[in-house]
Protein backbone atom coordinates (compact mmCIF):
# COMPACT_ATOMS: atom_id res chain seq x y z
CA MET A 1 -54.83 -3.04 -22.09
CA ILE A 2 -54.95 -6.54 -23.49
CA PHE A 3 -52.86 -8.85 -21.38
CA SER A 4 -52.45 -12.62 -20.79
CA TRP A 5 -50.09 -14.75 -18.75
CA SER A 6 -50.92 -18.43 -18.82
CA LEU A 7 -53.21 -21.16 -17.68
CA PRO A 8 -52.04 -24.18 -16.26
CA VAL A 9 -53.94 -25.77 -13.34
CA ILE A 10 -57.62 -26.57 -12.30
CA LEU A 11 -60.45 -26.70 -9.90
CA VAL A 12 -63.21 -29.22 -8.62
CA THR A 13 -65.83 -28.72 -6.16
CA SER A 14 -67.04 -31.53 -3.83
CA GLN A 15 -68.78 -31.04 -0.43
CA ASN A 16 -70.34 -33.71 1.62
CA ILE A 17 -70.19 -37.45 0.70
CA SER A 18 -73.37 -38.52 -1.11
CA ALA A 19 -74.55 -41.50 -3.07
CA ALA A 20 -73.85 -41.26 -6.63
CA GLN A 21 -73.59 -44.45 -8.83
CA HIS A 22 -73.05 -45.58 -12.33
CA GLN A 23 -71.41 -42.27 -13.74
CA ASN A 24 -69.52 -42.48 -17.05
CA GLY A 25 -68.16 -39.08 -16.81
CA PHE A 26 -68.21 -35.87 -14.89
CA SER A 27 -67.38 -32.19 -15.11
CA LEU A 28 -65.38 -29.93 -12.80
CA LYS A 29 -65.14 -26.19 -12.52
CA LEU A 30 -62.05 -24.59 -13.78
CA ILE A 31 -60.69 -21.51 -11.90
CA ASP A 32 -58.24 -18.92 -13.49
CA PRO A 33 -56.03 -17.64 -10.59
CA LEU A 34 -55.89 -14.29 -12.46
CA SER A 35 -59.74 -14.01 -12.35
CA PRO A 36 -61.43 -12.08 -9.76
CA LEU A 37 -63.48 -15.38 -9.31
CA SER A 38 -60.66 -17.06 -7.96
CA PRO A 39 -60.45 -17.70 -4.19
CA PHE A 40 -56.56 -17.05 -4.39
CA PHE A 41 -56.76 -13.85 -6.68
CA ASN A 42 -53.90 -11.44 -5.75
CA SER A 43 -55.18 -7.78 -6.61
CA ASN A 44 -51.94 -6.43 -5.28
CA LEU A 45 -49.67 -8.04 -7.84
CA THR A 46 -48.93 -5.75 -10.54
CA ASP A 47 -49.04 -6.80 -14.24
CA THR A 48 -45.13 -6.42 -14.49
CA LYS A 49 -44.42 -8.49 -11.59
CA ARG A 50 -46.97 -11.05 -12.58
CA LEU A 51 -45.37 -11.59 -16.03
CA ASN A 52 -41.63 -11.70 -14.45
CA ARG A 53 -42.85 -14.61 -12.37
CA VAL A 54 -44.48 -16.28 -15.20
CA LEU A 55 -41.30 -16.19 -17.23
CA GLU A 56 -39.30 -17.31 -14.41
CA SER A 57 -41.92 -20.15 -13.96
CA ASP A 58 -41.44 -21.04 -17.54
CA ARG A 59 -37.61 -21.08 -17.20
CA ARG A 60 -37.76 -23.72 -14.44
CA ARG A 61 -40.46 -25.63 -16.37
CA LEU A 62 -38.02 -26.05 -19.44
CA HIS A 63 -35.02 -27.03 -16.88
CA TYR A 64 -37.52 -29.80 -15.71
CA LEU A 65 -37.93 -31.07 -19.29
CA ILE A 66 -34.25 -30.98 -19.60
CA SER A 67 -33.75 -32.96 -16.48
CA LEU A 68 -36.17 -35.64 -17.78
CA HIS A 69 -34.08 -36.08 -20.79
CA ASN A 70 -30.98 -36.52 -18.67
CA LEU A 71 -32.93 -38.87 -16.69
CA GLY A 72 -34.19 -40.93 -19.89
CA SER A 73 -30.62 -41.30 -21.11
CA ALA A 74 -29.49 -42.76 -17.87
CA ASN A 75 -29.56 -46.14 -16.26
CA TYR A 76 -32.37 -45.93 -13.57
CA SER A 77 -30.22 -47.57 -11.16
CA ASP A 78 -27.71 -44.63 -11.47
CA ILE A 79 -30.23 -41.91 -11.03
CA ASP A 80 -29.97 -39.27 -8.25
CA PRO A 81 -33.74 -38.36 -7.59
CA SER A 82 -32.69 -34.78 -7.29
CA GLN A 83 -32.24 -34.59 -11.13
CA ILE A 84 -36.11 -34.94 -11.33
CA ARG A 85 -37.26 -31.15 -10.73
CA PRO A 86 -40.61 -30.27 -12.44
CA GLY A 87 -40.84 -26.78 -10.54
CA LEU A 88 -43.42 -25.56 -8.14
CA SER A 89 -42.61 -21.76 -8.20
CA SER A 90 -45.34 -19.22 -9.14
CA ARG A 91 -47.97 -21.38 -7.62
CA ASP A 92 -50.52 -18.80 -7.32
CA LEU A 93 -50.42 -18.40 -11.18
CA TYR A 94 -51.67 -21.64 -12.13
CA TYR A 95 -55.16 -23.15 -12.58
CA MET A 96 -56.31 -25.44 -9.56
CA VAL A 97 -58.51 -28.25 -8.89
CA GLU A 98 -60.64 -28.88 -5.75
CA MET A 99 -61.66 -32.34 -4.85
CA GLY A 100 -62.72 -34.36 -1.70
CA ILE A 101 -60.21 -37.04 -0.44
CA GLY A 102 -60.96 -39.65 2.11
CA THR A 103 -63.84 -40.94 4.15
CA GLY A 104 -65.08 -40.77 7.70
CA THR A 105 -63.84 -37.87 9.83
CA ALA A 106 -60.83 -37.52 7.70
CA PHE A 107 -62.75 -36.51 4.76
CA GLU A 108 -61.78 -33.07 3.26
CA ASN A 109 -61.82 -30.85 0.20
CA TYR A 110 -58.35 -29.67 -1.16
CA TYR A 111 -57.35 -27.35 -4.06
CA LEU A 112 -54.54 -28.90 -6.07
CA HIS A 113 -52.44 -27.90 -9.03
CA LEU A 114 -53.55 -29.62 -12.22
CA ASP A 115 -50.49 -30.55 -13.97
CA THR A 116 -50.61 -32.55 -17.44
CA GLY A 117 -46.91 -33.04 -17.23
CA SER A 118 -46.93 -34.82 -13.71
CA SER A 119 -48.06 -38.24 -13.02
CA LEU A 120 -48.63 -38.60 -9.22
CA SER A 121 -51.16 -36.57 -7.28
CA TRP A 122 -50.21 -35.87 -3.67
CA ILE A 123 -51.21 -34.00 -0.53
CA GLN A 124 -49.88 -33.43 2.71
CA CYS A 125 -50.56 -36.02 5.40
CA GLU A 126 -50.31 -36.44 9.11
CA PRO A 127 -47.73 -36.82 10.47
CA CYS A 128 -45.98 -34.41 8.44
CA HIS A 129 -42.39 -32.94 9.22
CA GLU A 130 -40.77 -29.85 7.46
CA CYS A 131 -44.12 -29.18 5.72
CA PHE A 132 -45.49 -25.90 4.55
CA GLN A 133 -48.45 -24.39 6.53
CA GLN A 134 -51.94 -24.88 4.90
CA GLN A 135 -55.57 -24.28 5.10
CA PRO A 136 -57.49 -26.57 5.45
CA ARG A 137 -56.28 -29.22 7.85
CA LEU A 138 -53.58 -31.81 6.75
CA PHE A 139 -55.12 -35.16 5.85
CA ASN A 140 -55.13 -37.73 8.61
CA PRO A 141 -55.02 -41.24 7.02
CA GLN A 142 -55.58 -42.81 10.47
CA ASN A 143 -59.23 -41.23 10.63
CA SER A 144 -60.12 -42.63 7.14
CA PRO A 145 -61.47 -46.41 6.88
CA SER A 146 -60.85 -46.38 3.23
CA TYR A 147 -57.22 -45.46 3.38
CA GLY A 148 -54.47 -47.85 2.27
CA ALA A 149 -50.64 -47.76 2.35
CA LEU A 150 -49.16 -49.64 -0.95
CA MET A 151 -46.60 -52.18 -0.45
CA ALA A 152 -43.25 -52.36 -2.27
CA ASN A 153 -44.38 -55.12 -4.48
CA HIS A 154 -46.82 -52.83 -5.92
CA PRO A 155 -46.60 -52.30 -9.77
CA TYR A 156 -46.27 -48.76 -9.47
CA CYS A 157 -43.38 -48.93 -6.91
CA ARG A 158 -40.60 -48.71 -9.44
CA ALA A 159 -37.42 -46.41 -9.93
CA PRO A 160 -36.67 -43.78 -10.09
CA PHE A 161 -39.42 -41.95 -8.40
CA TYR A 162 -40.56 -44.95 -6.03
CA LYS A 163 -38.66 -47.37 -3.87
CA PRO A 164 -39.17 -49.90 -1.07
CA GLY A 165 -38.93 -48.51 2.49
CA PRO A 166 -39.56 -49.48 6.02
CA ASN A 167 -42.23 -52.05 6.88
CA GLY A 168 -42.38 -53.20 3.17
CA LEU A 169 -44.12 -50.06 2.22
CA CYS A 170 -43.55 -48.14 -1.11
CA TYR A 171 -42.05 -44.60 -0.74
CA PHE A 172 -41.56 -41.76 -3.15
CA SER A 173 -39.43 -38.82 -3.49
CA ILE A 174 -40.12 -36.10 -6.17
CA PHE A 175 -37.71 -33.20 -6.45
CA TYR A 176 -38.63 -29.98 -8.19
CA ALA A 177 -36.90 -27.24 -10.35
CA ASP A 178 -36.82 -24.65 -7.46
CA ASP A 179 -35.08 -26.82 -5.15
CA THR A 180 -38.30 -27.98 -3.45
CA SER A 181 -39.37 -31.70 -2.85
CA ALA A 182 -42.25 -33.75 -1.70
CA ASN A 183 -41.49 -37.24 0.09
CA GLY A 184 -44.01 -39.71 1.48
CA THR A 185 -45.92 -42.88 1.10
CA LEU A 186 -47.50 -44.29 -2.04
CA SER A 187 -51.11 -44.81 -0.96
CA SER A 188 -54.64 -45.34 -2.23
CA GLU A 189 -57.97 -43.45 -1.16
CA VAL A 190 -61.34 -42.37 -2.22
CA PHE A 191 -61.49 -39.35 -4.14
CA THR A 192 -64.72 -37.50 -4.34
CA PHE A 193 -65.67 -35.13 -7.33
CA THR A 194 -69.11 -33.16 -7.97
CA ALA A 195 -70.59 -33.92 -11.19
CA SER A 196 -72.36 -31.30 -13.28
CA GLN A 197 -75.81 -32.42 -12.28
CA GLY A 198 -74.76 -32.00 -8.45
CA ALA A 199 -74.34 -35.58 -7.80
CA TYR A 200 -71.31 -36.83 -6.14
CA VAL A 201 -68.78 -39.20 -8.15
CA HIS A 202 -66.84 -41.24 -5.78
CA VAL A 203 -63.67 -43.04 -7.07
CA PRO A 204 -62.54 -45.60 -4.79
CA ASN A 205 -58.61 -46.91 -4.70
CA VAL A 206 -57.16 -43.76 -6.36
CA VAL A 207 -53.34 -44.33 -6.07
CA PHE A 208 -51.48 -40.94 -4.75
CA GLY A 209 -48.91 -39.71 -2.65
CA CYS A 210 -49.51 -39.13 1.07
CA THR A 211 -46.72 -36.52 1.86
CA HIS A 212 -44.73 -36.60 5.13
CA GLN A 213 -42.12 -34.11 4.28
CA THR A 214 -42.49 -31.27 1.93
CA ASP A 215 -39.75 -28.85 1.34
CA THR A 216 -41.56 -26.19 -0.53
CA ASP A 217 -43.21 -22.87 0.37
CA TYR A 218 -46.88 -22.77 -0.81
CA PRO A 219 -49.08 -19.77 0.17
CA LEU A 220 -50.94 -20.24 3.25
CA ASN A 221 -54.22 -19.78 1.32
CA GLY A 222 -53.78 -21.62 -1.84
CA PRO A 223 -53.39 -25.01 -3.50
CA VAL A 224 -51.90 -27.77 -1.24
CA GLY A 225 -50.74 -30.39 -3.63
CA ILE A 226 -50.57 -31.76 -7.22
CA PHE A 227 -53.29 -33.45 -9.44
CA GLY A 228 -51.33 -35.32 -11.97
CA LEU A 229 -52.94 -35.87 -15.48
CA ASN A 230 -50.10 -37.33 -17.77
CA LEU A 231 -49.82 -40.56 -19.66
CA GLU A 232 -48.01 -42.64 -16.88
CA PRO A 233 -49.71 -45.36 -15.28
CA GLU A 234 -50.13 -43.80 -11.79
CA SER A 235 -51.63 -40.64 -13.34
CA PHE A 236 -55.35 -40.03 -12.38
CA ILE A 237 -56.43 -40.36 -15.86
CA SER A 238 -54.64 -43.79 -16.70
CA GLN A 239 -55.49 -45.86 -13.31
CA PRO A 240 -58.03 -48.71 -13.65
CA SER A 241 -59.71 -47.33 -10.67
CA SER A 242 -60.73 -44.09 -12.40
CA SER A 243 -61.23 -45.50 -15.97
CA PRO A 244 -64.87 -46.32 -15.36
CA VAL A 245 -65.69 -42.73 -14.71
CA THR A 246 -63.14 -40.92 -16.87
CA GLY A 247 -63.16 -43.11 -19.92
CA MET A 248 -59.47 -42.41 -20.00
CA ARG A 249 -60.05 -38.95 -21.53
CA PHE A 250 -60.44 -35.53 -20.52
CA SER A 251 -61.11 -32.15 -22.07
CA TYR A 252 -60.76 -28.44 -21.38
CA CYS A 253 -61.18 -25.01 -22.99
CA LEU A 254 -59.27 -22.09 -21.59
CA VAL A 255 -60.40 -18.46 -21.88
CA GLU A 256 -58.23 -15.50 -21.84
CA PRO A 257 -56.49 -14.98 -18.50
CA GLY A 258 -58.40 -12.55 -16.03
CA SER A 259 -61.66 -13.25 -17.65
CA THR A 260 -64.69 -13.67 -15.50
CA ALA A 261 -66.02 -16.46 -17.86
CA ALA A 262 -66.73 -20.03 -16.27
CA MET A 263 -64.67 -22.88 -17.38
CA THR A 264 -65.00 -26.55 -17.15
CA LEU A 265 -62.66 -29.79 -17.06
CA LEU A 266 -64.51 -32.55 -18.67
CA PHE A 267 -64.11 -36.38 -18.20
CA GLY A 268 -65.70 -39.39 -20.17
CA ASP A 269 -69.14 -39.05 -21.46
CA GLU A 270 -69.36 -35.50 -20.16
CA ILE A 271 -67.14 -34.41 -23.00
CA THR A 272 -69.23 -32.50 -25.53
CA TRP A 273 -68.43 -30.31 -28.59
CA PRO A 274 -70.38 -27.38 -29.91
CA PRO A 275 -72.49 -28.35 -32.98
CA VAL A 276 -70.58 -26.05 -35.19
CA ALA A 277 -67.10 -27.19 -34.08
CA ARG A 278 -64.67 -28.45 -36.80
CA ILE A 279 -62.98 -31.21 -34.78
CA GLN A 280 -59.55 -32.35 -35.99
CA GLU A 281 -57.36 -35.00 -34.27
CA THR A 282 -53.75 -36.06 -34.35
CA GLN A 283 -51.82 -38.91 -32.92
CA ILE A 284 -50.22 -38.44 -29.36
CA LEU A 285 -46.75 -39.91 -29.59
CA ARG A 286 -45.62 -42.23 -27.07
CA PHE A 287 -41.95 -42.99 -26.26
CA ASN A 288 -40.26 -45.39 -23.82
CA ASN A 289 -38.57 -42.46 -22.21
CA GLY A 290 -41.17 -40.02 -22.69
CA PHE A 291 -42.31 -39.67 -19.11
CA GLY A 292 -45.97 -39.51 -19.96
CA LEU A 293 -45.65 -36.19 -21.67
CA TYR A 294 -48.04 -35.21 -24.44
CA TYR A 295 -45.84 -35.22 -27.62
CA VAL A 296 -47.44 -34.67 -31.02
CA ASN A 297 -46.08 -34.43 -34.56
CA LEU A 298 -45.69 -30.71 -35.44
CA THR A 299 -44.79 -30.54 -39.27
CA ASP A 300 -44.95 -26.76 -40.13
CA MET A 301 -46.42 -23.38 -39.09
CA SER A 302 -47.94 -20.51 -41.15
CA ILE A 303 -48.59 -16.85 -40.90
CA ASP A 304 -51.73 -15.84 -42.20
CA ASN A 305 -52.03 -18.22 -45.04
CA THR A 306 -48.26 -18.33 -45.86
CA GLY A 307 -46.29 -21.50 -44.83
CA ILE A 308 -43.12 -21.22 -43.01
CA TYR A 309 -41.55 -24.50 -44.33
CA PHE A 310 -39.14 -25.41 -41.79
CA PRO A 311 -36.26 -27.72 -42.59
CA PRO A 312 -37.54 -31.46 -42.34
CA GLY A 313 -37.34 -32.93 -38.85
CA THR A 314 -37.17 -29.54 -37.11
CA PHE A 315 -39.51 -30.69 -34.41
CA ASP A 316 -38.93 -34.32 -34.53
CA ARG A 317 -37.84 -36.18 -31.14
CA ASP A 318 -34.49 -37.87 -31.71
CA PRO A 319 -33.76 -41.24 -30.32
CA SER A 320 -31.90 -40.02 -27.33
CA GLY A 321 -35.04 -38.24 -26.19
CA LEU A 322 -33.97 -34.67 -27.20
CA ARG A 323 -36.33 -32.17 -28.62
CA GLY A 324 -39.88 -33.04 -30.01
CA PHE A 325 -42.95 -30.96 -29.53
CA MET A 326 -45.37 -31.27 -26.79
CA ILE A 327 -48.77 -29.87 -25.49
CA ASP A 328 -48.34 -28.74 -21.83
CA SER A 329 -50.60 -27.17 -19.29
CA GLY A 330 -47.59 -26.33 -17.06
CA ALA A 331 -45.85 -23.81 -19.60
CA HIS A 332 -47.45 -20.31 -19.80
CA TYR A 333 -46.04 -19.50 -23.38
CA THR A 334 -44.92 -21.26 -26.36
CA TYR A 335 -41.31 -22.26 -26.83
CA LEU A 336 -39.62 -23.16 -30.15
CA PRO A 337 -36.36 -24.62 -30.92
CA LYS A 338 -33.69 -21.90 -31.39
CA LEU A 339 -33.56 -22.15 -35.19
CA ALA A 340 -37.27 -22.51 -35.70
CA TYR A 341 -37.84 -19.45 -33.50
CA LYS A 342 -35.48 -17.62 -35.51
CA ILE A 343 -37.28 -18.57 -38.62
CA VAL A 344 -40.70 -17.52 -37.20
CA ARG A 345 -38.96 -14.27 -35.88
CA ASP A 346 -37.64 -13.38 -39.39
CA ALA A 347 -40.72 -14.11 -41.13
CA LEU A 348 -42.74 -11.73 -38.67
CA VAL A 349 -40.08 -8.96 -39.19
CA LEU A 350 -40.45 -9.09 -42.99
CA HIS A 351 -44.26 -9.19 -42.64
CA PHE A 352 -44.41 -6.12 -40.67
CA GLU A 353 -41.66 -4.27 -42.59
CA THR A 354 -44.21 -4.42 -45.68
CA ARG A 355 -46.59 -2.47 -43.24
CA HIS A 356 -43.52 0.01 -42.42
CA LEU A 357 -43.12 -1.42 -38.70
CA LEU A 358 -39.64 -2.10 -37.26
CA PRO A 359 -38.66 -3.95 -34.25
CA VAL A 360 -38.42 -2.03 -30.98
CA GLN A 361 -37.49 -2.77 -27.43
CA GLY A 362 -40.40 -3.78 -25.35
CA ARG A 363 -41.41 -1.32 -22.68
CA GLY A 364 -43.03 -1.63 -19.19
CA GLU A 365 -44.64 -5.04 -19.06
CA ALA A 366 -43.41 -6.04 -22.45
CA GLU A 367 -39.67 -5.53 -21.70
CA ARG A 368 -39.16 -9.31 -21.27
CA PHE A 369 -40.31 -10.15 -24.91
CA ASP A 370 -37.84 -10.55 -27.44
CA LEU A 371 -39.77 -9.24 -30.47
CA CYS A 372 -41.91 -6.20 -30.18
CA PHE A 373 -43.25 -3.37 -32.49
CA ASP A 374 -45.01 -0.08 -31.89
CA LEU A 375 -48.76 -0.01 -32.60
CA PRO A 376 -49.50 2.82 -34.84
CA PRO A 377 -51.92 5.49 -33.71
CA ASN A 378 -55.68 4.77 -34.05
CA GLU A 379 -54.64 1.26 -35.61
CA ASP A 380 -57.03 -1.58 -34.49
CA PRO A 381 -54.84 -4.85 -33.74
CA VAL A 382 -57.41 -6.78 -35.54
CA ASN A 383 -56.69 -5.08 -38.74
CA LEU A 384 -52.89 -5.29 -38.26
CA LEU A 385 -51.85 -8.44 -36.53
CA PRO A 386 -51.67 -11.74 -38.59
CA SER A 387 -53.07 -15.08 -37.39
CA MET A 388 -50.83 -18.09 -37.13
CA THR A 389 -51.65 -21.83 -37.72
CA PHE A 390 -49.65 -24.77 -36.16
CA HIS A 391 -49.82 -27.74 -38.75
CA PHE A 392 -49.78 -31.11 -36.94
CA ALA A 393 -49.91 -34.49 -38.62
CA GLY A 394 -53.62 -34.61 -39.65
CA ALA A 395 -54.68 -31.42 -37.94
CA ASP A 396 -54.38 -27.68 -38.10
CA LEU A 397 -54.63 -25.55 -35.12
CA PRO A 398 -55.39 -21.96 -36.03
CA LEU A 399 -54.57 -18.96 -33.68
CA PHE A 400 -56.15 -15.63 -33.93
CA TYR A 401 -53.80 -12.75 -33.13
CA GLN A 402 -54.82 -12.66 -29.51
CA GLN A 403 -53.18 -16.19 -28.97
CA VAL A 404 -50.04 -15.12 -30.80
CA PHE A 405 -49.17 -11.65 -29.68
CA TYR A 406 -49.06 -9.95 -26.22
CA VAL A 407 -50.85 -6.58 -26.73
CA ASP A 408 -50.25 -3.61 -24.34
CA LEU A 409 -52.50 -0.71 -25.25
CA ASN A 410 -51.18 1.36 -22.57
CA GLU A 411 -47.73 1.39 -24.18
CA GLN A 412 -49.19 1.01 -27.70
CA GLN A 413 -47.04 -2.02 -28.22
CA PHE A 414 -47.49 -5.58 -29.21
CA CYS A 415 -45.05 -8.40 -29.05
CA LEU A 416 -44.56 -11.91 -30.20
CA ALA A 417 -45.76 -14.14 -27.07
CA MET A 418 -43.31 -16.80 -27.99
CA PHE A 419 -39.60 -17.56 -26.95
CA PRO A 420 -36.80 -19.56 -28.10
CA GLU A 421 -35.52 -22.69 -26.31
CA ASN A 422 -31.89 -21.98 -26.53
CA THR A 423 -30.24 -25.06 -25.16
CA GLY A 424 -31.38 -27.52 -27.90
CA LEU A 425 -32.21 -30.04 -25.10
CA ALA A 426 -36.01 -29.47 -23.95
CA PRO A 427 -38.85 -30.21 -26.22
CA ALA A 428 -40.71 -27.39 -27.94
CA VAL A 429 -43.88 -26.62 -26.09
CA LEU A 430 -47.42 -25.37 -26.92
CA GLY A 431 -48.14 -23.38 -23.81
CA ALA A 432 -51.31 -22.25 -22.32
CA PHE A 433 -51.52 -18.74 -23.90
CA GLN A 434 -51.68 -20.37 -27.35
CA GLN A 435 -54.44 -22.89 -26.07
CA VAL A 436 -57.03 -20.10 -25.26
CA ASN A 437 -60.18 -20.50 -27.19
CA THR A 438 -59.47 -24.17 -28.47
CA GLN A 439 -61.11 -26.90 -26.98
CA PHE A 440 -58.76 -29.84 -26.45
CA GLU A 441 -59.60 -33.56 -25.81
CA PHE A 442 -56.83 -35.94 -24.67
CA ASP A 443 -58.12 -39.60 -25.35
CA MET A 444 -55.98 -42.41 -24.19
CA ARG A 445 -58.33 -45.31 -25.13
CA THR A 446 -56.60 -46.26 -28.45
CA GLY A 447 -52.97 -45.51 -28.02
CA GLY A 448 -53.65 -41.75 -27.75
CA ILE A 449 -55.53 -39.18 -29.83
CA LEU A 450 -55.43 -35.51 -29.46
CA ARG A 451 -58.66 -33.83 -30.58
CA MET A 452 -58.91 -30.04 -31.05
CA ALA A 453 -61.43 -27.41 -32.42
CA THR A 454 -61.44 -23.65 -32.31
CA VAL A 455 -64.41 -22.49 -30.24
CA ASP A 456 -65.39 -19.66 -28.13
CA CYS A 457 -64.57 -20.86 -24.69
CA THR A 458 -66.34 -18.06 -22.81
CA HIS A 459 -69.68 -19.79 -23.81
CA GLY A 460 -68.36 -23.10 -22.12
CA VAL A 461 -68.39 -26.58 -23.55
């Protein structure tokens, strides 16, 4: 059976504090939670249950994106923070990162969710009330000489996520799509990463959230917080403290879920490309009410070499903040506007009709997919299933059939691994399933450039 779920979060390994200076980049290990290499691999979770949880997680992710639109169209002073809910469900299905935080006896390594749709990184801190149980210990800021609580006049202390609190400090409240939340003190601390050469990269004065109340239910043996990498100023990649070692750019290359191949998250000068890679680039679109999300200009799609030719403006973001198209590590699958999805669906139905295949109901693991077909006996998917290309302004993203279709050889079925976004409010999303075997580089140095190239990610980058 060929199966794939998603890939949205990432891992770093740091051990003891050690001297490392003048680093202009570093690379971190990426761990797929569906891989046996993951420390949190759940062998008891069936494929069907895993897929159902993935789709529920995506539903909540889209709800979060809709809530951002509602937030962007309102006056910040009128915002109820409970509207802002990215979603923390299905936590053990995401990629993670591990990093060291703090100095002195407070230093500890933590696994965190990597989220390119979130800004603030956070962990649980002492004292912590109504918090989930975790391993390792909670971070104790009193035992870290490098810890600092940020004042209410700090530039990052702004509505709607942050506000002044007792003792003149800045406090944050973030609510998520599954009715969970994180609340605490906006802080700064030393983050420690392990470079590819084995040296340690220490980044001082990283702004993060020291959470003292966390209404969520993380697994006991699992990630314990968020590592935010969006475009907002308080994101790790955007902060002045980290820019000397990140160069304000990062890159990843995802393998098929469940693979035992190693993956790497690259920062700064550690970013390299295979010599044969055909690198293309498109502009990252910034909006005043874009909340740091990675919007790009999708102009069309094609099936094999036949263009779909969507109506002009199908994927444009309107002035009120509706729609648009974004790259998101927090979504498992790709979601298209309802009309665009119908056009793609109809084109595929016509494509397979010429091969005497008609749509059928998905069975077993595939029952949640909208468009499925039976795989003819003894038919190799590589000879039957078409490729697809996403056409961006200035760049093409070709997808092989493995990134377009969910193939279940047990049931002898294949299904389109994309879904409609039926509300007309959320942006269209290129999810992690469709990002497999493409190296992406997010470069924020000159306004924002997204680079991409088709590569074999199992060979590393």
